[in-house]
């Protein structure tokens, strides 16, 4: 499908934000695709090591993708130095629907 190249672009920090926006516009359900699940590790790394804006976006995407593998990283992000990242992580944890949250 048309989303695979954009999902692959999520691995490139220079175009990640634009690719994410394009994915939401093309297919609002892209986060439930196999391709989206395949990039969860990239977003987990971004959540831990990215700049403030990237960490916030990564938390949001991880919540939308709904992959339990993101739980620990999102939980850790609740202690992020940035309140926006904390809020995005809290929302994402709620979106995951994991009883541990």
N, C-alpha and C. Protein backbone atom coordinates (compact mmCIF):
# COMPACT_ATOMS: atom_id res chain seq x y z
N UNK A 1 0.83 -1.19 0.00
CA UNK A 1 0.00 0.00 0.00
C UNK A 1 0.87 1.25 0.00
N UNK A 2 0.25 2.37 -0.12
CA UNK A 2 0.96 3.64 -0.23
C UNK A 2 1.62 4.08 1.06
N UNK A 3 1.24 3.50 2.19
CA UNK A 3 1.78 4.00 3.45
C UNK A 3 3.17 3.44 3.77
N UNK A 4 3.55 2.31 3.18
CA UNK A 4 4.83 1.69 3.55
C UNK A 4 6.03 2.61 3.38
N UNK A 5 6.15 3.34 2.24
CA UNK A 5 7.31 4.25 2.12
C UNK A 5 7.31 5.34 3.19
N UNK A 6 6.14 5.83 3.54
CA UNK A 6 6.07 6.86 4.58
C UNK A 6 6.41 6.28 5.95
N UNK A 7 5.96 5.07 6.22
CA UNK A 7 6.31 4.43 7.48
C UNK A 7 7.81 4.21 7.55
N UNK A 8 8.40 3.81 6.44
CA UNK A 8 9.85 3.63 6.40
C UNK A 8 10.56 4.96 6.66
N UNK A 9 9.97 6.05 6.19
CA UNK A 9 10.57 7.38 6.40
C UNK A 9 10.55 7.79 7.87
N UNK A 10 9.74 7.14 8.68
CA UNK A 10 9.68 7.47 10.11
C UNK A 10 11.01 7.19 10.81
N UNK A 11 11.83 6.36 10.19
CA UNK A 11 13.13 6.05 10.78
C UNK A 11 14.14 7.18 10.59
N UNK A 12 13.83 8.12 9.71
CA UNK A 12 14.72 9.24 9.42
C UNK A 12 14.28 10.46 10.22
N UNK A 13 15.08 10.85 11.20
CA UNK A 13 14.69 11.95 12.08
C UNK A 13 14.48 13.27 11.33
N UNK A 14 15.10 13.42 10.16
CA UNK A 14 14.95 14.66 9.40
C UNK A 14 13.56 14.81 8.79
N UNK A 15 12.89 13.71 8.53
CA UNK A 15 11.58 13.78 7.87
C UNK A 15 10.47 13.11 8.69
N UNK A 16 10.79 12.66 9.90
CA UNK A 16 9.84 11.90 10.72
C UNK A 16 8.53 12.66 10.95
N UNK A 17 8.62 13.91 11.32
CA UNK A 17 7.41 14.67 11.63
C UNK A 17 6.53 14.83 10.40
N UNK A 18 7.13 15.17 9.27
CA UNK A 18 6.35 15.33 8.04
C UNK A 18 5.73 14.01 7.60
N UNK A 19 6.48 12.92 7.75
CA UNK A 19 5.96 11.61 7.38
C UNK A 19 4.78 11.22 8.27
N UNK A 20 4.89 11.51 9.54
CA UNK A 20 3.79 11.20 10.46
C UNK A 20 2.53 11.96 10.09
N UNK A 21 2.68 13.25 9.81
CA UNK A 21 1.52 14.06 9.42
C UNK A 21 0.90 13.53 8.14
N UNK A 22 1.75 13.17 7.18
CA UNK A 22 1.23 12.65 5.92
C UNK A 22 0.49 11.33 6.12
N UNK A 23 1.02 10.49 6.98
CA UNK A 23 0.36 9.21 7.26
C UNK A 23 -1.04 9.41 7.82
N UNK A 24 -1.19 10.33 8.77
CA UNK A 24 -2.51 10.59 9.36
C UNK A 24 -3.48 11.09 8.30
N UNK A 25 -2.99 11.90 7.36
CA UNK A 25 -3.87 12.45 6.33
C UNK A 25 -4.27 11.39 5.30
N UNK A 26 -3.33 10.54 4.93
CA UNK A 26 -3.60 9.52 3.92
C UNK A 26 -4.50 8.42 4.45
N UNK A 27 -4.17 7.95 5.65
CA UNK A 27 -4.91 6.82 6.23
C UNK A 27 -4.98 6.98 7.74
N UNK A 28 -6.10 7.45 8.25
CA UNK A 28 -6.23 7.64 9.70
C UNK A 28 -6.02 6.36 10.50
N UNK A 29 -6.09 5.22 9.85
CA UNK A 29 -5.91 3.93 10.53
C UNK A 29 -4.51 3.35 10.33
N UNK A 30 -3.58 4.15 9.81
CA UNK A 30 -2.25 3.63 9.51
C UNK A 30 -1.58 3.04 10.75
N UNK A 31 -1.86 3.57 11.92
CA UNK A 31 -1.18 3.14 13.13
C UNK A 31 -1.51 1.69 13.49
N UNK A 32 -2.54 1.13 12.91
CA UNK A 32 -2.92 -0.26 13.19
C UNK A 32 -2.33 -1.23 12.16
N UNK A 33 -1.51 -0.73 11.25
CA UNK A 33 -0.95 -1.58 10.20
C UNK A 33 0.28 -2.34 10.69
N UNK A 34 0.62 -3.40 9.98
CA UNK A 34 1.84 -4.15 10.28
C UNK A 34 3.07 -3.26 10.12
N UNK A 35 3.02 -2.38 9.13
CA UNK A 35 4.15 -1.48 8.90
C UNK A 35 4.37 -0.56 10.09
N UNK A 36 3.30 -0.08 10.69
CA UNK A 36 3.42 0.79 11.87
C UNK A 36 4.02 0.03 13.03
N UNK A 37 3.55 -1.19 13.24
CA UNK A 37 4.10 -2.00 14.34
C UNK A 37 5.58 -2.27 14.15
N UNK A 38 6.01 -2.34 12.92
CA UNK A 38 7.42 -2.62 12.63
C UNK A 38 8.34 -1.47 13.04
N UNK A 39 7.82 -0.25 13.13
CA UNK A 39 8.67 0.89 13.49
C UNK A 39 8.57 1.28 14.97
N UNK A 40 7.86 0.47 15.76
CA UNK A 40 7.76 0.75 17.19
C UNK A 40 9.14 0.93 17.83
N UNK A 41 10.12 0.06 17.54
CA UNK A 41 11.44 0.26 18.16
C UNK A 41 12.06 1.62 17.85
N UNK A 42 11.82 2.12 16.65
CA UNK A 42 12.34 3.45 16.28
C UNK A 42 11.71 4.52 17.16
N UNK A 43 10.42 4.43 17.38
CA UNK A 43 9.74 5.43 18.21
C UNK A 43 10.12 5.29 19.68
N UNK A 44 10.37 4.08 20.13
CA UNK A 44 10.83 3.90 21.51
C UNK A 44 12.17 4.59 21.70
N UNK A 45 13.08 4.42 20.74
CA UNK A 45 14.38 5.09 20.82
C UNK A 45 14.22 6.60 20.78
N UNK A 46 13.33 7.09 19.94
CA UNK A 46 13.09 8.53 19.84
C UNK A 46 12.53 9.06 21.16
N UNK A 47 11.64 8.30 21.76
CA UNK A 47 11.06 8.71 23.04
C UNK A 47 12.13 8.84 24.11
N UNK A 48 13.14 8.02 24.03
CA UNK A 48 14.22 8.05 25.03
C UNK A 48 15.30 9.07 24.70
N UNK A 49 15.56 9.30 23.41
CA UNK A 49 16.74 10.07 23.03
C UNK A 49 16.49 11.27 22.13
N UNK A 50 15.27 11.48 21.71
CA UNK A 50 15.01 12.56 20.77
C UNK A 50 14.92 13.92 21.44
N UNK A 51 14.78 14.95 20.61
CA UNK A 51 14.56 16.27 21.18
C UNK A 51 13.13 16.33 21.72
N UNK A 52 12.82 17.41 22.39
CA UNK A 52 11.53 17.54 23.08
C UNK A 52 10.33 17.29 22.15
N UNK A 53 10.33 17.92 21.02
CA UNK A 53 9.22 17.79 20.07
C UNK A 53 9.11 16.36 19.55
N UNK A 54 10.26 15.75 19.25
CA UNK A 54 10.27 14.37 18.76
C UNK A 54 9.81 13.39 19.83
N UNK A 55 10.20 13.63 21.07
CA UNK A 55 9.77 12.74 22.17
C UNK A 55 8.25 12.80 22.34
N UNK A 56 7.71 14.00 22.27
CA UNK A 56 6.26 14.17 22.41
C UNK A 56 5.52 13.46 21.27
N UNK A 57 6.01 13.63 20.05
CA UNK A 57 5.39 12.98 18.89
C UNK A 57 5.51 11.46 18.98
N UNK A 58 6.66 10.99 19.44
CA UNK A 58 6.87 9.55 19.57
C UNK A 58 5.89 8.95 20.57
N UNK A 59 5.68 9.63 21.68
CA UNK A 59 4.73 9.13 22.68
C UNK A 59 3.34 9.04 22.08
N UNK A 60 2.94 10.05 21.34
CA UNK A 60 1.61 10.06 20.72
C UNK A 60 1.46 8.90 19.75
N UNK A 61 2.45 8.72 18.90
CA UNK A 61 2.39 7.63 17.91
C UNK A 61 2.37 6.27 18.59
N UNK A 62 3.19 6.11 19.63
CA UNK A 62 3.21 4.82 20.33
C UNK A 62 1.85 4.50 20.94
N UNK A 63 1.17 5.49 21.43
CA UNK A 63 -0.18 5.27 21.95
C UNK A 63 -1.15 4.88 20.85
N UNK A 64 -1.01 5.50 19.69
CA UNK A 64 -1.89 5.19 18.56
C UNK A 64 -1.62 3.79 18.01
N UNK A 65 -0.35 3.42 17.92
CA UNK A 65 0.00 2.11 17.40
C UNK A 65 -0.50 1.02 18.36
N UNK A 66 -0.48 1.33 19.64
CA UNK A 66 -1.04 0.41 20.61
C UNK A 66 -0.23 -0.83 20.87
N UNK A 67 1.06 -0.73 20.74
CA UNK A 67 1.92 -1.89 20.93
C UNK A 67 2.38 -1.97 22.37
N UNK A 68 2.14 -3.10 23.01
CA UNK A 68 2.51 -3.28 24.41
C UNK A 68 4.01 -3.16 24.63
N UNK A 69 4.80 -3.35 23.59
CA UNK A 69 6.26 -3.24 23.71
C UNK A 69 6.67 -1.82 24.09
N UNK A 70 5.79 -0.87 23.89
CA UNK A 70 6.09 0.53 24.20
C UNK A 70 5.77 0.89 25.64
N UNK A 71 5.14 0.01 26.37
CA UNK A 71 4.66 0.33 27.72
C UNK A 71 5.77 0.86 28.63
N UNK A 72 6.87 0.14 28.73
CA UNK A 72 7.94 0.54 29.65
C UNK A 72 8.53 1.90 29.28
N UNK A 73 8.72 2.15 27.99
CA UNK A 73 9.28 3.43 27.55
C UNK A 73 8.30 4.56 27.85
N UNK A 74 7.02 4.32 27.65
CA UNK A 74 6.02 5.34 27.95
C UNK A 74 5.94 5.60 29.44
N UNK A 75 6.02 4.54 30.23
CA UNK A 75 6.01 4.70 31.68
C UNK A 75 7.19 5.55 32.14
N UNK A 76 8.36 5.28 31.59
CA UNK A 76 9.56 6.06 31.93
C UNK A 76 9.40 7.52 31.50
N UNK A 77 8.70 7.74 30.40
CA UNK A 77 8.52 9.11 29.90
C UNK A 77 7.64 9.96 30.81
N UNK A 78 6.93 9.33 31.72
CA UNK A 78 6.14 10.11 32.68
C UNK A 78 7.04 10.96 33.56
N UNK A 79 8.31 10.58 33.65
CA UNK A 79 9.27 11.34 34.45
C UNK A 79 10.14 12.25 33.57
N UNK A 80 9.76 12.43 32.31
CA UNK A 80 10.52 13.29 31.41
C UNK A 80 10.60 14.71 31.98
N UNK A 81 11.66 15.41 31.65
CA UNK A 81 11.84 16.78 32.14
C UNK A 81 10.83 17.75 31.52
N UNK A 82 10.20 17.35 30.41
CA UNK A 82 9.27 18.24 29.72
C UNK A 82 7.83 17.83 30.01
N UNK A 83 7.03 18.77 30.45
CA UNK A 83 5.64 18.50 30.79
C UNK A 83 4.83 18.02 29.60
N UNK A 84 5.10 18.54 28.41
CA UNK A 84 4.39 18.11 27.21
C UNK A 84 4.64 16.65 26.90
N UNK A 85 5.87 16.20 27.11
CA UNK A 85 6.21 14.79 26.90
C UNK A 85 5.50 13.94 27.95
N UNK A 86 5.49 14.42 29.19
CA UNK A 86 4.80 13.69 30.26
C UNK A 86 3.31 13.52 29.92
N UNK A 87 2.69 14.59 29.46
CA UNK A 87 1.27 14.54 29.11
C UNK A 87 1.01 13.59 27.95
N UNK A 88 1.86 13.65 26.93
CA UNK A 88 1.70 12.76 25.77
C UNK A 88 1.88 11.30 26.19
N UNK A 89 2.85 11.05 27.08
CA UNK A 89 3.08 9.68 27.56
C UNK A 89 1.89 9.18 28.37
N UNK A 90 1.33 10.04 29.22
CA UNK A 90 0.17 9.65 30.02
C UNK A 90 -1.03 9.32 29.13
N UNK A 91 -1.26 10.15 28.13
CA UNK A 91 -2.34 9.90 27.19
C UNK A 91 -2.11 8.60 26.43
N UNK A 92 -0.87 8.40 25.98
CA UNK A 92 -0.53 7.19 25.24
C UNK A 92 -0.73 5.94 26.09
N UNK A 93 -0.36 6.01 27.35
CA UNK A 93 -0.56 4.86 28.24
C UNK A 93 -2.05 4.56 28.37
N UNK A 94 -2.86 5.59 28.46
CA UNK A 94 -4.30 5.39 28.48
C UNK A 94 -4.81 4.76 27.19
N UNK A 95 -4.25 5.21 26.07
CA UNK A 95 -4.65 4.67 24.77
C UNK A 95 -4.29 3.19 24.64
N UNK A 96 -3.19 2.78 25.27
CA UNK A 96 -2.77 1.38 25.20
C UNK A 96 -3.78 0.46 25.85
N UNK A 97 -4.46 0.97 26.87
CA UNK A 97 -5.46 0.15 27.55
C UNK A 97 -4.85 -0.97 28.37
N UNK A 98 -3.59 -0.84 28.71
CA UNK A 98 -2.90 -1.85 29.51
C UNK A 98 -3.30 -1.68 30.98
N UNK A 99 -3.73 -2.73 31.61
CA UNK A 99 -4.17 -2.66 32.99
C UNK A 99 -3.10 -2.20 33.98
N UNK A 100 -1.83 -2.33 33.59
CA UNK A 100 -0.73 -1.88 34.45
C UNK A 100 -0.69 -0.37 34.58
N UNK A 101 -1.26 0.33 33.60
CA UNK A 101 -1.22 1.80 33.62
C UNK A 101 -2.24 2.30 34.61
